[in-house]
Amino acid sequence: MVNPGTPTFDQLRIFLAVVETGSFAAAGRKLNRAVSVISYGIANLETQLGLSLFEREGTKKPQLTQAGEAVLAEARTVAVGIDSLRAKVKGMLEGLEAEVSLVVDVMLPADRLGVVLRAFRTQFPTVSLRLHVEGLGAVAALVLDGRADLGIAGPVGAVMEGLTRCTAGAVSLVPVAAPDHPLARMPRLAPGAAREHIQLVLTDRSPLTEGRDFAVNSPHTWRLSDLGAKHALLREGIGWGNMPLPMIEVDLVAGTLVRLDMPDSPGGLYRFHAIHRPDAPPGPAASWLMKRFVDLGASDDDGRLADV
């Protein structure tokens, strides 16, 4: 069984330069090497691999052999990996984080999260991101125990002790139900009418607020830890509940959900705060993320709705 040798990265770089420039001489100029050095590097690479990478007969310019074409794809992958490694290490030497762990409240509009993270990928291509999506006090819990560097928390998580915080916008919560739900069919809702029907309530997966209720109006509740499941059950007509407006705008237009005009539970603004531990200030990439969330949320509060 014949095993190939291990080429050096310099040999692969010479190989890629010849392919990209179209000649040994041009590759030498690009790498600031003598043509003889380029030729020697290719010869050594071919010896290591046990393959002929270029056709040398009947052509003025080096043409890749079939084996050379196959090796080219792998060589490019190696080169990209090395470049990525060097860029990441350079960033670390300059104080840039290798990874940022971010936790966001489940109520944060998905399109805002997408806009911020797409820009983050462009701004910090070498920084890995670990994203968690949680509700209520679980956002603060991940930041407090060090599993997240930065959190975008709702009003429950933002007031926990031991955190540094700044405002980062808000989202409107509205009470909704399916069109065939009894509350949706009533021409006018009297105060207390919702107490006779099941309210779907988002629960906290952390021990920080265990046993506490938030925005619960009905003694009849179904408790869920997943906002998507709550959305699906609302559309099935199982109960009523408050939902972030951006998540159910399409339903309101399509008529699959109806906004309830409830005098005793009108919804309101669900406010966000960027949070981190004071003894673990965010690095350059995490600071950039925090500022983006804060800047985008600056115009959320229109003053017309009360806090939840």
C-alpha atoms as a PDB file:
ATOM      1  CA  MET A   1       0.000   0.000   0.000  1.00  0.00           C
ATOM      2  CA  VAL A   2       1.409   3.394  -1.052  1.00  0.00           C
ATOM      3  CA  ASN A   3       0.921   6.290   1.359  1.00  0.00           C
ATOM      4  CA  PRO A   4       1.517   9.887   0.271  1.00  0.00           C
ATOM      5  CA  GLY A   5       3.875  12.115   2.192  1.00  0.00           C
ATOM      6  CA  THR A   6       2.876  15.263   4.048  1.00  0.00           C
ATOM      7  CA  PRO A   7       3.263  18.429   1.961  1.00  0.00           C
ATOM      8  CA  THR A   8       4.162  21.689   3.649  1.00  0.00           C
ATOM      9  CA  PHE A   9       1.885  24.686   3.577  1.00  0.00           C
ATOM     10  CA  ASP A  10       4.567  26.573   1.642  1.00  0.00           C
ATOM     11  CA  GLN A  11       4.446  23.929  -1.097  1.00  0.00           C
ATOM     12  CA  LEU A  12       0.668  24.232  -1.288  1.00  0.00           C
ATOM     13  CA  ARG A  13       0.950  28.024  -1.413  1.00  0.00           C
ATOM     14  CA  ILE A  14       3.366  27.779  -4.353  1.00  0.00           C
ATOM     15  CA  PHE A  15       1.000  25.349  -6.083  1.00  0.00           C
ATOM     16  CA  LEU A  16      -1.960  27.715  -5.650  1.00  0.00           C
ATOM     17  CA  ALA A  17       0.085  30.686  -6.867  1.00  0.00           C
ATOM     18  CA  VAL A  18       1.017  28.838 -10.089  1.00  0.00           C
ATOM     19  CA  VAL A  19      -2.637  27.959 -10.701  1.00  0.00           C
ATOM     20  CA  GLU A  20      -3.868  31.496  -9.964  1.00  0.00           C
ATOM     21  CA  THR A  21      -1.221  33.323 -12.017  1.00  0.00           C
ATOM     22  CA  GLY A  22      -0.934  30.818 -14.886  1.00  0.00           C
ATOM     23  CA  SER A  23       2.850  30.392 -14.906  1.00  0.00           C
ATOM     24  CA  PHE A  24       5.867  29.630 -12.765  1.00  0.00           C
ATOM     25  CA  ALA A  25       7.366  33.042 -13.521  1.00  0.00           C
ATOM     26  CA  ALA A  26       4.201  34.928 -12.523  1.00  0.00           C
ATOM     27  CA  ALA A  27       3.934  32.859  -9.351  1.00  0.00           C
ATOM     28  CA  GLY A  28       7.526  33.796  -8.542  1.00  0.00           C
ATOM     29  CA  ARG A  29       6.729  37.482  -8.940  1.00  0.00           C
ATOM     30  CA  LYS A  30       3.638  37.156  -6.751  1.00  0.00           C
ATOM     31  CA  LEU A  31       5.524  35.382  -3.971  1.00  0.00           C
ATOM     32  CA  ASN A  32       8.760  37.305  -4.495  1.00  0.00           C
ATOM     33  CA  ARG A  33      10.627  34.056  -5.228  1.00  0.00           C
ATOM     34  CA  ALA A  34      12.978  33.010  -8.013  1.00  0.00           C
ATOM     35  CA  VAL A  35      11.468  30.840 -10.748  1.00  0.00           C
ATOM     36  CA  SER A  36      13.846  28.064  -9.777  1.00  0.00           C
ATOM     37  CA  VAL A  37      12.433  28.117  -6.224  1.00  0.00           C
ATOM     38  CA  ILE A  38       8.884  27.844  -7.599  1.00  0.00           C
ATOM     39  CA  SER A  39       9.856  24.940  -9.851  1.00  0.00           C
ATOM     40  CA  TYR A  40      11.673  23.215  -6.983  1.00  0.00           C
ATOM     41  CA  GLY A  41       8.645  23.658  -4.683  1.00  0.00           C
ATOM     42  CA  ILE A  42       6.281  22.092  -7.223  1.00  0.00           C
ATOM     43  CA  ALA A  43       8.654  19.206  -7.841  1.00  0.00           C
ATOM     44  CA  ASN A  44       8.896  18.525  -4.103  1.00  0.00           C
ATOM     45  CA  LEU A  45       5.104  18.686  -3.751  1.00  0.00           C
ATOM     46  CA  GLU A  46       4.663  16.170  -6.550  1.00  0.00           C
ATOM     47  CA  THR A  47       7.247  13.911  -4.924  1.00  0.00           C
ATOM     48  CA  GLN A  48       5.471  14.124  -1.580  1.00  0.00           C
ATOM     49  CA  LEU A  49       2.100  13.279  -3.116  1.00  0.00           C
ATOM     50  CA  GLY A  50       3.385  10.797  -5.665  1.00  0.00           C
ATOM     51  CA  LEU A  51       1.391  12.541  -8.400  1.00  0.00           C
ATOM     52  CA  SER A  52       2.053  14.739 -11.428  1.00  0.00           C
ATOM     53  CA  LEU A  53       0.125  17.948 -10.909  1.00  0.00           C
ATOM     54  CA  PHE A  54       0.959  19.767 -14.172  1.00  0.00           C
ATOM     55  CA  GLU A  55       1.268  18.764 -17.808  1.00  0.00           C
ATOM     56  CA  ARG A  56       4.714  19.880 -18.931  1.00  0.00           C
ATOM     57  CA  GLU A  57       4.758  18.634 -22.508  1.00  0.00           C
ATOM     58  CA  GLY A  58       3.242  20.405 -25.488  1.00  0.00           C
ATOM     59  CA  THR A  59       2.147  23.507 -23.612  1.00  0.00           C
ATOM     60  CA  LYS A  60       3.713  26.878 -22.872  1.00  0.00           C
ATOM     61  CA  LYS A  61       1.638  27.385 -19.744  1.00  0.00           C
ATOM     62  CA  PRO A  62       1.401  24.753 -17.019  1.00  0.00           C
ATOM     63  CA  GLN A  63      -1.915  22.899 -17.295  1.00  0.00           C
ATOM     64  CA  LEU A  64      -3.349  20.923 -14.403  1.00  0.00           C
ATOM     65  CA  THR A  65      -3.552  17.185 -14.777  1.00  0.00           C
ATOM     66  CA  GLN A  66      -6.672  15.362 -13.661  1.00  0.00           C
ATOM     67  CA  ALA A  67      -4.912  14.616 -10.380  1.00  0.00           C
ATOM     68  CA  GLY A  68      -3.928  18.275 -10.104  1.00  0.00           C
ATOM     69  CA  GLU A  69      -7.571  19.322 -10.445  1.00  0.00           C
ATOM     70  CA  ALA A  70      -8.514  17.026  -7.588  1.00  0.00           C
ATOM     71  CA  VAL A  71      -5.661  18.263  -5.393  1.00  0.00           C
ATOM     72  CA  LEU A  72      -6.522  21.906  -6.155  1.00  0.00           C
ATOM     73  CA  ALA A  73      -9.852  21.793  -4.309  1.00  0.00           C
ATOM     74  CA  GLU A  74      -8.236  20.318  -1.210  1.00  0.00           C
ATOM     75  CA  ALA A  75      -5.331  22.770  -1.336  1.00  0.00           C
ATOM     76  CA  ARG A  76      -7.755  25.692  -1.440  1.00  0.00           C
ATOM     77  CA  THR A  77      -9.604  24.285   1.583  1.00  0.00           C
ATOM     78  CA  VAL A  78      -6.340  24.033   3.509  1.00  0.00           C
ATOM     79  CA  ALA A  79      -5.371  27.586   2.518  1.00  0.00           C
ATOM     80  CA  VAL A  80      -8.727  28.988   3.656  1.00  0.00           C
ATOM     81  CA  GLY A  81      -8.372  27.137   6.951  1.00  0.00           C
ATOM     82  CA  ILE A  82      -4.873  28.491   7.540  1.00  0.00           C
ATOM     83  CA  ASP A  83      -5.973  32.028   6.671  1.00  0.00           C
ATOM     84  CA  SER A  84      -8.899  31.701   9.071  1.00  0.00           C
ATOM     85  CA  LEU A  85      -6.604  30.413  11.808  1.00  0.00           C
ATOM     86  CA  ARG A  86      -4.157  33.289  11.338  1.00  0.00           C
ATOM     87  CA  ALA A  87      -6.984  35.858  11.336  1.00  0.00           C
ATOM     88  CA  LYS A  88      -8.488  34.418  14.523  1.00  0.00           C
ATOM     89  CA  VAL A  89      -5.132  34.392  16.320  1.00  0.00           C
ATOM     90  CA  LYS A  90      -4.408  37.948  15.148  1.00  0.00           C
ATOM     91  CA  GLY A  91      -7.732  39.054  16.603  1.00  0.00           C
ATOM     92  CA  MET A  92      -6.983  37.307  19.895  1.00  0.00           C
ATOM     93  CA  LEU A  93      -3.571  38.955  20.099  1.00  0.00           C
ATOM     94  CA  GLU A  94      -5.304  42.301  19.595  1.00  0.00           C
ATOM     95  CA  GLY A  95      -7.782  41.548  22.399  1.00  0.00           C
ATOM     96  CA  LEU A  96     -10.686  40.266  20.261  1.00  0.00           C
ATOM     97  CA  GLU A  97     -12.702  37.413  21.719  1.00  0.00           C
ATOM     98  CA  ALA A  98     -12.411  33.980  20.111  1.00  0.00           C
ATOM     99  CA  GLU A  99     -16.096  33.381  20.910  1.00  0.00           C
ATOM    100  CA  VAL A 100     -19.040  35.399  22.193  1.00  0.00           C
ATOM    101  CA  SER A 101     -21.895  33.724  24.045  1.00  0.00           C
ATOM    102  CA  LEU A 102     -25.160  35.630  23.677  1.00  0.00           C
ATOM    103  CA  VAL A 103     -28.530  34.885  25.289  1.00  0.00           C
ATOM    104  CA  VAL A 104     -31.652  36.713  24.131  1.00  0.00           C
ATOM    105  CA  ASP A 105     -35.182  36.832  25.460  1.00  0.00           C
ATOM    106  CA  VAL A 106     -37.609  34.749  23.413  1.00  0.00           C
ATOM    107  CA  MET A 107     -39.769  37.858  22.931  1.00  0.00           C
ATOM    108  CA  LEU A 108     -37.033  39.659  20.979  1.00  0.00           C
ATOM    109  CA  PRO A 109     -38.262  40.045  17.373  1.00  0.00           C
ATOM    110  CA  ALA A 110     -36.561  37.501  15.138  1.00  0.00           C
ATOM    111  CA  ASP A 111     -35.965  39.999  12.343  1.00  0.00           C
ATOM    112  CA  ARG A 112     -34.054  42.309  14.708  1.00  0.00           C
ATOM    113  CA  LEU A 113     -31.923  39.426  15.929  1.00  0.00           C
ATOM    114  CA  GLY A 114     -31.223  38.455  12.323  1.00  0.00           C
ATOM    115  CA  VAL A 115     -30.199  41.985  11.315  1.00  0.00           C
ATOM    116  CA  VAL A 116     -27.779  42.287  14.237  1.00  0.00           C
ATOM    117  CA  LEU A 117     -26.195  38.862  13.818  1.00  0.00           C
ATOM    118  CA  ARG A 118     -25.811  39.226  10.058  1.00  0.00           C
ATOM    119  CA  ALA A 119     -23.923  42.484  10.606  1.00  0.00           C
ATOM    120  CA  PHE A 120     -21.905  40.823  13.398  1.00  0.00           C
ATOM    121  CA  ARG A 121     -20.781  38.064  11.030  1.00  0.00           C
ATOM    122  CA  THR A 122     -19.522  40.691   8.589  1.00  0.00           C
ATOM    123  CA  GLN A 123     -17.862  42.837  11.241  1.00  0.00           C
ATOM    124  CA  PHE A 124     -16.208  39.973  13.146  1.00  0.00           C
ATOM    125  CA  PRO A 125     -15.719  37.051  10.746  1.00  0.00           C
ATOM    126  CA  THR A 126     -13.211  35.314  13.034  1.00  0.00           C
ATOM    127  CA  VAL A 127     -15.361  35.416  16.181  1.00  0.00           C
ATOM    128  CA  SER A 128     -17.535  32.378  16.836  1.00  0.00           C
ATOM    129  CA  LEU A 129     -21.004  32.962  18.278  1.00  0.00           C
ATOM    130  CA  ARG A 130     -22.911  30.799  20.737  1.00  0.00           C
ATOM    131  CA  LEU A 131     -26.593  31.801  20.822  1.00  0.00           C
ATOM    132  CA  HIS A 132     -29.151  30.877  23.485  1.00  0.00           C
ATOM    133  CA  VAL A 133     -32.843  31.818  23.396  1.00  0.00           C
ATOM    134  CA  GLU A 134     -34.597  31.787  26.771  1.00  0.00           C
ATOM    135  CA  GLY A 135     -37.530  33.375  28.562  1.00  0.00           C
ATOM    136  CA  LEU A 136     -38.031  35.459  31.689  1.00  0.00           C
ATOM    137  CA  GLY A 137     -35.388  34.874  34.395  1.00  0.00           C
ATOM    138  CA  ALA A 138     -33.512  32.210  32.425  1.00  0.00           C
ATOM    139  CA  VAL A 139     -31.793  34.959  30.422  1.00  0.00           C
ATOM    140  CA  ALA A 140     -30.295  36.480  33.563  1.00  0.00           C
ATOM    141  CA  ALA A 141     -29.457  33.030  34.937  1.00  0.00           C
ATOM    142  CA  LEU A 142     -27.152  32.245  32.003  1.00  0.00           C
ATOM    143  CA  VAL A 143     -25.358  35.585  32.391  1.00  0.00           C
ATOM    144  CA  LEU A 144     -25.024  35.300  36.169  1.00  0.00           C
ATOM    145  CA  ASP A 145     -23.518  31.814  36.048  1.00  0.00           C
ATOM    146  CA  GLY A 146     -21.082  32.784  33.286  1.00  0.00           C
ATOM    147  CA  ARG A 147     -22.565  30.676  30.487  1.00  0.00           C
ATOM    148  CA  ALA A 148     -23.339  33.844  28.507  1.00  0.00           C
ATOM    149  CA  ASP A 149     -21.182  36.956  28.127  1.00  0.00           C
ATOM    150  CA  LEU A 150     -24.094  39.195  27.160  1.00  0.00           C
ATOM    151  CA  GLY A 151     -27.848  38.994  27.551  1.00  0.00           C
ATOM    152  CA  ILE A 152     -30.805  40.809  26.031  1.00  0.00           C
ATOM    153  CA  ALA A 153     -33.294  40.325  28.840  1.00  0.00           C
ATOM    154  CA  GLY A 154     -36.936  41.186  29.320  1.00  0.00           C
ATOM    155  CA  PRO A 155     -38.277  43.088  32.340  1.00  0.00           C
ATOM    156  CA  VAL A 156     -38.058  40.048  34.642  1.00  0.00           C
ATOM    157  CA  GLY A 157     -34.420  39.190  33.953  1.00  0.00           C
ATOM    158  CA  ALA A 158     -33.251  42.783  33.836  1.00  0.00           C
ATOM    159  CA  VAL A 159     -34.023  43.520  37.495  1.00  0.00           C
ATOM    160  CA  MET A 160     -31.958  40.661  38.934  1.00  0.00           C
ATOM    161  CA  GLU A 161     -29.198  41.709  41.342  1.00  0.00           C
ATOM    162  CA  GLY A 162     -25.573  41.425  40.334  1.00  0.00           C
ATOM    163  CA  LEU A 163     -25.994  42.700  36.760  1.00  0.00           C
ATOM    164  CA  THR A 164     -25.026  45.818  34.843  1.00  0.00           C
ATOM    165  CA  ARG A 165     -27.818  46.881  32.483  1.00  0.00           C
ATOM    166  CA  CYS A 166     -28.826  49.428  29.870  1.00  0.00           C
ATOM    167  CA  THR A 167     -32.091  49.829  27.960  1.00  0.00           C
ATOM    168  CA  ALA A 168     -32.291  48.032  24.617  1.00  0.00           C
ATOM    169  CA  GLY A 169     -35.752  48.707  23.224  1.00  0.00           C
ATOM    170  CA  ALA A 170     -39.146  47.098  23.633  1.00  0.00           C
ATOM    171  CA  VAL A 171     -41.794  45.088  21.822  1.00  0.00           C
ATOM    172  CA  SER A 172     -45.592  45.400  21.980  1.00  0.00           C
ATOM    173  CA  LEU A 173     -47.454  42.516  23.614  1.00  0.00           C
ATOM    174  CA  VAL A 174     -51.080  42.046  22.595  1.00  0.00           C
ATOM    175  CA  PRO A 175     -53.772  39.654  23.885  1.00  0.00           C
ATOM    176  CA  VAL A 176     -55.004  37.344  21.109  1.00  0.00           C
ATOM    177  CA  ALA A 177     -57.141  34.275  20.509  1.00  0.00           C
ATOM    178  CA  ALA A 178     -58.313  32.215  17.567  1.00  0.00           C
ATOM    179  CA  PRO A 179     -61.355  33.645  15.704  1.00  0.00           C
ATOM    180  CA  ASP A 180     -63.604  30.806  16.921  1.00  0.00           C
ATOM    181  CA  HIS A 181     -62.586  31.271  20.561  1.00  0.00           C
ATOM    182  CA  PRO A 182     -65.480  32.480  22.785  1.00  0.00           C
ATOM    183  CA  LEU A 183     -63.609  35.669  23.711  1.00  0.00           C
ATOM    184  CA  ALA A 184     -63.056  36.525  20.044  1.00  0.00           C
ATOM    185  CA  ARG A 185     -66.762  36.066  19.266  1.00  0.00           C
ATOM    186  CA  MET A 186     -67.919  38.464  21.975  1.00  0.00           C
ATOM    187  CA  PRO A 187     -68.871  41.888  20.547  1.00  0.00           C
ATOM    188  CA  ARG A 188     -67.607  43.599  23.687  1.00  0.00           C
ATOM    189  CA  LEU A 189     -65.462  42.156  26.469  1.00  0.00           C
ATOM    190  CA  ALA A 190     -66.486  42.995  29.999  1.00  0.00           C
ATOM    191  CA  PRO A 191     -63.830  43.348  32.711  1.00  0.00           C
ATOM    192  CA  GLY A 192     -63.005  39.909  34.070  1.00  0.00           C
ATOM    193  CA  ALA A 193     -64.357  37.998  31.060  1.00  0.00           C
ATOM    194  CA  ALA A 194     -60.954  36.431  30.383  1.00  0.00           C
ATOM    195  CA  ARG A 195     -60.922  34.837  33.843  1.00  0.00           C
ATOM    196  CA  GLU A 196     -63.423  32.251  32.675  1.00  0.00           C
ATOM    197  CA  HIS A 197     -61.146  30.915  29.942  1.00  0.00           C
ATOM    198  CA  ILE A 198     -57.788  29.152  29.745  1.00  0.00           C
ATOM    199  CA  GLN A 199     -54.835  31.538  29.545  1.00  0.00           C
ATOM    200  CA  LEU A 200     -51.693  30.207  27.882  1.00  0.00           C
ATOM    201  CA  VAL A 201     -48.734  31.385  29.950  1.00  0.00           C
ATOM    202  CA  LEU A 202     -45.009  31.299  29.235  1.00  0.00           C
ATOM    203  CA  THR A 203     -43.077  29.824  32.157  1.00  0.00           C
ATOM    204  CA  ASP A 204     -39.535  30.351  33.398  1.00  0.00           C
ATOM    205  CA  ARG A 205     -37.029  27.525  33.020  1.00  0.00           C
ATOM    206  CA  SER A 206     -34.694  28.999  35.633  1.00  0.00           C
ATOM    207  CA  PRO A 207     -34.943  28.773  39.444  1.00  0.00           C
ATOM    208  CA  LEU A 208     -34.555  32.558  39.787  1.00  0.00           C
ATOM    209  CA  THR A 209     -38.294  33.244  39.521  1.00  0.00           C
ATOM    210  CA  GLU A 210     -39.623  29.779  40.306  1.00  0.00           C
ATOM    211  CA  GLY A 211     -43.213  29.879  41.587  1.00  0.00           C
ATOM    212  CA  ARG A 212     -43.848  33.468  40.471  1.00  0.00           C
ATOM    213  CA  ASP A 213     -46.460  34.483  37.902  1.00  0.00           C
ATOM    214  CA  PHE A 214     -46.176  37.358  35.427  1.00  0.00           C
ATOM    215  CA  ALA A 215     -49.114  38.926  33.547  1.00  0.00           C
ATOM    216  CA  VAL A 216     -51.460  36.106  34.579  1.00  0.00           C
ATOM    217  CA  ASN A 217     -55.128  37.152  34.669  1.00  0.00           C
ATOM    218  CA  SER A 218     -56.988  33.848  34.673  1.00  0.00           C
ATOM    219  CA  PRO A 219     -57.067  31.153  37.364  1.00  0.00           C
ATOM    220  CA  HIS A 220     -57.273  28.642  34.506  1.00  0.00           C
ATOM    221  CA  THR A 221     -53.815  28.373  32.967  1.00  0.00           C
ATOM    222  CA  TRP A 222     -51.774  26.138  30.713  1.00  0.00           C
ATOM    223  CA  ARG A 223     -48.068  26.745  31.234  1.00  0.00           C
ATOM    224  CA  LEU A 224     -45.578  26.332  28.426  1.00  0.00           C
ATOM    225  CA  SER A 225     -41.829  26.856  28.240  1.00  0.00           C
ATOM    226  CA  ASP A 226     -41.796  27.376  24.452  1.00  0.00           C
ATOM    227  CA  LEU A 227     -43.192  30.483  22.738  1.00  0.00           C
ATOM    228  CA  GLY A 228     -43.617  28.641  19.433  1.00  0.00           C
ATOM    229  CA  ALA A 229     -45.801  26.032  21.125  1.00  0.00           C
ATOM    230  CA  LYS A 230     -47.866  28.792  22.720  1.00  0.00           C
ATOM    231  CA  HIS A 231     -48.356  30.371  19.297  1.00  0.00           C
ATOM    232  CA  ALA A 232     -49.518  27.060  17.822  1.00  0.00           C
ATOM    233  CA  LEU A 233     -51.988  26.380  20.652  1.00  0.00           C
ATOM    234  CA  LEU A 234     -53.421  29.890  20.373  1.00  0.00           C
ATOM    235  CA  ARG A 235     -54.122  29.277  16.687  1.00  0.00           C
ATOM    236  CA  GLU A 236     -55.856  26.021  17.630  1.00  0.00           C
ATOM    237  CA  GLY A 237     -58.265  27.948  19.848  1.00  0.00           C
ATOM    238  CA  ILE A 238     -57.198  26.205  23.056  1.00  0.00           C
ATOM    239  CA  GLY A 239     -56.854  29.421  25.031  1.00  0.00           C
ATOM    240  CA  TRP A 240     -55.980  33.092  24.908  1.00  0.00           C
ATOM    241  CA  GLY A 241     -52.690  34.793  25.703  1.00  0.00           C
ATOM    242  CA  ASN A 242     -50.338  37.704  25.190  1.00  0.00           C
ATOM    243  CA  MET A 243     -47.954  37.513  22.246  1.00  0.00           C
ATOM    244  CA  PRO A 244     -45.260  39.832  20.810  1.00  0.00           C
ATOM    245  CA  LEU A 245     -46.871  41.761  17.980  1.00  0.00           C
ATOM    246  CA  PRO A 246     -44.174  41.095  15.325  1.00  0.00           C
ATOM    247  CA  MET A 247     -44.624  37.344  15.790  1.00  0.00           C
ATOM    248  CA  ILE A 248     -48.393  37.356  15.127  1.00  0.00           C
ATOM    249  CA  GLU A 249     -48.831  40.252  12.666  1.00  0.00           C
ATOM    250  CA  VAL A 250     -49.257  37.808   9.780  1.00  0.00           C
ATOM    251  CA  ASP A 251     -51.924  35.943  11.772  1.00  0.00           C
ATOM    252  CA  LEU A 252     -53.819  39.164  12.448  1.00  0.00           C
ATOM    253  CA  VAL A 253     -53.827  40.031   8.755  1.00  0.00           C
ATOM    254  CA  ALA A 254     -54.807  36.491   7.725  1.00  0.00           C
ATOM    255  CA  GLY A 255     -57.448  36.218  10.437  1.00  0.00           C
ATOM    256  CA  THR A 256     -55.963  33.114  12.060  1.00  0.00           C
ATOM    257  CA  LEU A 257     -55.691  35.115  15.288  1.00  0.00           C
ATOM    258  CA  VAL A 258     -57.808  38.016  16.554  1.00  0.00           C
ATOM    259  CA  ARG A 259     -56.646  40.843  18.778  1.00  0.00           C
ATOM    260  CA  LEU A 260     -58.763  40.997  21.948  1.00  0.00           C
ATOM    261  CA  ASP A 261     -59.917  44.353  23.254  1.00  0.00           C
ATOM    262  CA  MET A 262     -59.567  43.488  26.926  1.00  0.00           C
ATOM    263  CA  PRO A 263     -60.152  46.358  29.349  1.00  0.00           C
ATOM    264  CA  ASP A 264     -58.330  44.585  32.196  1.00  0.00           C
ATOM    265  CA  SER A 265     -55.443  43.084  30.154  1.00  0.00           C
ATOM    266  CA  PRO A 266     -54.673  45.401  27.229  1.00  0.00           C
ATOM    267  CA  GLY A 267     -51.081  44.247  26.721  1.00  0.00           C
ATOM    268  CA  GLY A 268     -48.304  46.811  26.724  1.00  0.00           C
ATOM    269  CA  LEU A 269     -44.610  47.287  26.155  1.00  0.00           C
ATOM    270  CA  TYR A 270     -42.268  44.425  26.994  1.00  0.00           C
ATOM    271  CA  ARG A 271     -38.973  46.182  27.600  1.00  0.00           C
ATOM    272  CA  PHE A 272     -35.509  44.792  26.888  1.00  0.00           C
ATOM    273  CA  HIS A 273     -32.211  45.494  28.632  1.00  0.00           C
ATOM    274  CA  ALA A 274     -28.692  44.529  27.637  1.00  0.00           C
ATOM    275  CA  ILE A 275     -27.133  42.849  30.682  1.00  0.00           C
ATOM    276  CA  HIS A 276     -23.727  41.549  31.713  1.00  0.00           C
ATOM    277  CA  ARG A 277     -21.867  40.833  34.919  1.00  0.00           C
ATOM    278  CA  PRO A 278     -19.945  43.854  36.279  1.00  0.00           C
ATOM    279  CA  ASP A 279     -16.916  41.650  36.938  1.00  0.00           C
ATOM    280  CA  ALA A 280     -16.951  40.361  33.349  1.00  0.00           C
ATOM    281  CA  PRO A 281     -17.248  43.414  31.082  1.00  0.00           C
ATOM    282  CA  PRO A 282     -17.885  42.603  27.404  1.00  0.00           C
ATOM    283  CA  GLY A 283     -14.925  42.527  25.039  1.00  0.00           C
ATOM    284  CA  PRO A 284     -14.767  44.372  21.702  1.00  0.00           C
ATOM    285  CA  ALA A 285     -17.102  42.027  19.791  1.00  0.00           C
ATOM    286  CA  ALA A 286     -19.633  41.671  22.628  1.00  0.00           C
ATOM    287  CA  SER A 287     -19.569  45.449  23.172  1.00  0.00           C
ATOM    288  CA  TRP A 288     -20.321  45.949  19.492  1.00  0.00           C
ATOM    289  CA  LEU A 289     -23.278  43.556  19.784  1.00  0.00           C
ATOM    290  CA  MET A 290     -24.611  45.366  22.841  1.00  0.00           C
ATOM    291  CA  LYS A 291     -24.412  48.766  21.138  1.00  0.00           C
ATOM    292  CA  ARG A 292     -26.236  47.467  18.063  1.00  0.00           C
ATOM    293  CA  PHE A 293     -29.137  46.163  20.146  1.00  0.00           C
ATOM    294  CA  VAL A 294     -29.276  49.397  22.138  1.00  0.00           C
ATOM    295  CA  ASP A 295     -29.163  51.596  19.021  1.00  0.00           C
ATOM    296  CA  LEU A 296     -31.836  49.609  17.176  1.00  0.00           C
ATOM    297  CA  GLY A 297     -34.096  49.678  20.223  1.00  0.00           C
ATOM    298  CA  ALA A 298     -33.830  53.422  20.779  1.00  0.00           C
ATOM    299  CA  SER A 299     -37.012  54.198  18.818  1.00  0.00           C
ATOM    300  CA  ASP A 300     -39.181  51.347  20.121  1.00  0.00           C
ATOM    301  CA  ASP A 301     -40.957  53.203  22.911  1.00  0.00           C
ATOM    302  CA  ASP A 302     -43.578  55.433  21.279  1.00  0.00           C
ATOM    303  CA  GLY A 303     -45.059  56.486  24.616  1.00  0.00           C
ATOM    304  CA  ARG A 304     -48.559  55.220  23.776  1.00  0.00           C
ATOM    305  CA  LEU A 305     -48.478  51.926  25.692  1.00  0.00           C
ATOM    306  CA  ALA A 306     -47.962  51.138  29.316  1.00  0.00           C
ATOM    307  CA  ASP A 307     -45.332  48.731  30.530  1.00  0.00           C
ATOM    308  CA  VAL A 308     -46.300  45.117  30.907  1.00  0.00           C
END
